[in-house]
Amino acid sequence: MIAANDNIHPDEPLRLADAIKYGFPHGGMTVSGLRREAAAGSLVIEKIANKHFTTLSAIEEMRKTSRVRAEARACGGGRSVGKAVRSSRGEHGLLLTVGSITPQAALLAKIEKRKNS
């Protein structure tokens, strides 16, 4: 792997394979991954002479917009808070968010539903 190089200008066009070497020096991204991000509109790429190029600035922008916000702790001392929402299709019952119901309670609810139908 090639480490990031201070001699590469952030706006210099790089072939996708080279952009991965400099933008993701420890791996984790592929050329097809960059193409998928471009198809999704997350990464700006240029097509010149039937070759795809991007810049380190474009990769940094993609990374900024792709960051996942941290949510509340998944486990710990607090009670799990699940929102109960009525189904929009007019079905009876409540839909609960994941984590607000135990697997045993889910199974019991399924059995109860089958008994009543």
Protein backbone atom coordinates (compact mmCIF):
# COMPACT_ATOMS: atom_id res chain seq x y z
CA MET A 1 0.00 0.00 0.00
CA ILE A 2 1.10 3.51 -0.74
CA ALA A 3 0.67 6.01 2.07
CA ALA A 4 -0.86 9.43 1.48
CA ASN A 5 1.59 11.78 -0.19
CA ASP A 6 1.90 15.50 0.59
CA ASN A 7 2.99 16.09 -3.03
CA ILE A 8 -0.46 15.24 -4.40
CA HIS A 9 -2.72 18.26 -4.68
CA PRO A 10 -6.22 17.55 -3.25
CA ASP A 11 -7.83 18.61 -6.55
CA GLU A 12 -5.50 16.62 -8.82
CA PRO A 13 -7.43 14.03 -10.85
CA LEU A 14 -6.46 10.47 -9.94
CA ARG A 15 -7.51 7.19 -11.53
CA LEU A 16 -9.88 5.40 -9.16
CA ALA A 17 -7.30 2.73 -8.25
CA ASP A 18 -4.77 5.43 -7.34
CA ALA A 19 -7.40 7.44 -5.47
CA ILE A 20 -8.01 4.38 -3.28
CA LYS A 21 -4.28 4.04 -2.55
CA TYR A 22 -4.09 7.64 -1.34
CA GLY A 23 -7.61 8.20 -0.02
CA PHE A 24 -7.89 4.87 1.80
CA PRO A 25 -4.27 3.93 2.57
CA HIS A 26 -5.28 1.17 4.98
CA GLY A 27 -7.76 -0.47 2.62
CA GLY A 28 -11.47 -0.98 3.02
CA MET A 29 -12.53 0.52 -0.31
CA THR A 30 -12.48 -0.84 -3.85
CA VAL A 31 -12.78 0.66 -7.31
CA SER A 32 -16.26 -0.83 -7.62
CA GLY A 33 -17.13 0.72 -4.25
CA LEU A 34 -16.14 4.16 -5.53
CA ARG A 35 -18.20 3.57 -8.67
CA ARG A 36 -21.21 2.63 -6.53
CA GLU A 37 -20.79 5.82 -4.50
CA ALA A 38 -20.61 7.82 -7.74
CA ALA A 39 -23.76 6.11 -9.07
CA ALA A 40 -25.51 7.00 -5.81
CA GLY A 41 -24.47 10.62 -6.23
CA SER A 42 -22.13 10.61 -3.23
CA LEU A 43 -18.84 10.89 -5.13
CA VAL A 44 -17.94 13.19 -8.00
CA ILE A 45 -16.02 11.38 -10.72
CA GLU A 46 -14.89 12.53 -14.16
CA LYS A 47 -14.88 10.36 -17.25
CA ILE A 48 -12.05 11.35 -19.57
CA ALA A 49 -11.05 9.15 -22.54
CA ASN A 50 -13.29 6.39 -21.14
CA LYS A 51 -11.32 6.39 -17.85
CA HIS A 52 -12.72 7.39 -14.47
CA PHE A 53 -10.98 9.94 -12.29
CA THR A 54 -11.71 11.52 -8.92
CA THR A 55 -9.86 13.76 -6.50
CA LEU A 56 -8.85 13.44 -2.87
CA SER A 57 -11.07 16.47 -2.19
CA ALA A 58 -14.06 14.63 -3.70
CA ILE A 59 -13.32 11.59 -1.55
CA GLU A 60 -13.11 13.76 1.57
CA GLU A 61 -16.45 15.38 0.68
CA MET A 62 -18.01 11.94 0.16
CA ARG A 63 -16.70 10.85 3.56
CA LYS A 64 -18.15 13.94 5.25
CA THR A 65 -21.61 13.37 3.80
CA SER A 66 -21.48 9.63 4.53
CA ARG A 67 -20.71 9.90 8.24
CA VAL A 68 -23.17 8.09 10.46
CA ARG A 69 -24.34 10.01 13.48
CA ALA A 70 -23.87 8.27 16.80
CA GLU A 71 -27.12 7.36 18.46
CA ALA A 72 -27.97 6.64 22.06
CA ARG A 73 -26.22 3.73 23.69
CA ALA A 74 -27.52 0.36 22.56
CA CYS A 75 -27.05 -1.13 26.00
CA GLY A 76 -26.61 0.15 29.50
CA GLY A 77 -28.56 1.31 32.48
CA GLY A 78 -31.28 3.24 30.68
CA ARG A 79 -34.62 1.76 29.73
CA SER A 80 -35.16 0.96 26.12
CA VAL A 81 -37.49 3.51 24.58
CA GLY A 82 -39.56 2.26 21.65
CA LYS A 83 -42.16 4.28 19.82
CA ALA A 84 -45.45 2.55 19.27
CA VAL A 85 -46.95 3.48 15.92
CA ARG A 86 -50.23 2.44 14.37
CA SER A 87 -49.88 0.86 10.96
CA SER A 88 -50.87 3.11 8.08
CA ARG A 89 -52.55 0.23 6.23
CA GLY A 90 -55.30 -0.06 8.80
CA GLU A 91 -53.93 -3.25 10.32
CA HIS A 92 -54.65 -3.82 13.96
CA GLY A 93 -51.93 -3.80 16.54
CA LEU A 94 -48.80 -1.85 17.20
CA LEU A 95 -45.49 -1.83 15.42
CA LEU A 96 -42.55 -1.47 17.81
CA THR A 97 -39.02 -0.38 17.05
CA VAL A 98 -36.32 -3.01 17.16
CA GLY A 99 -34.83 -3.50 20.58
CA SER A 100 -37.96 -2.48 22.47
CA ILE A 101 -39.36 -6.00 22.58
CA THR A 102 -37.71 -9.19 23.71
CA PRO A 103 -37.53 -12.19 21.40
CA GLN A 104 -39.75 -14.12 23.79
CA ALA A 105 -42.38 -11.36 23.75
CA ALA A 106 -42.25 -11.26 19.95
CA LEU A 107 -42.81 -15.02 19.76
CA LEU A 108 -45.71 -14.83 22.20
CA ALA A 109 -47.27 -12.02 20.18
CA LYS A 110 -47.00 -14.14 16.99
CA ILE A 111 -48.63 -17.11 18.71
CA GLU A 112 -51.41 -14.90 20.06
CA LYS A 113 -52.00 -13.40 16.60
CA ARG A 114 -52.30 -16.86 15.04
CA LYS A 115 -54.74 -17.96 17.72
CA ASN A 116 -56.99 -14.98 16.98
CA SER A 117 -57.00 -15.42 13.20
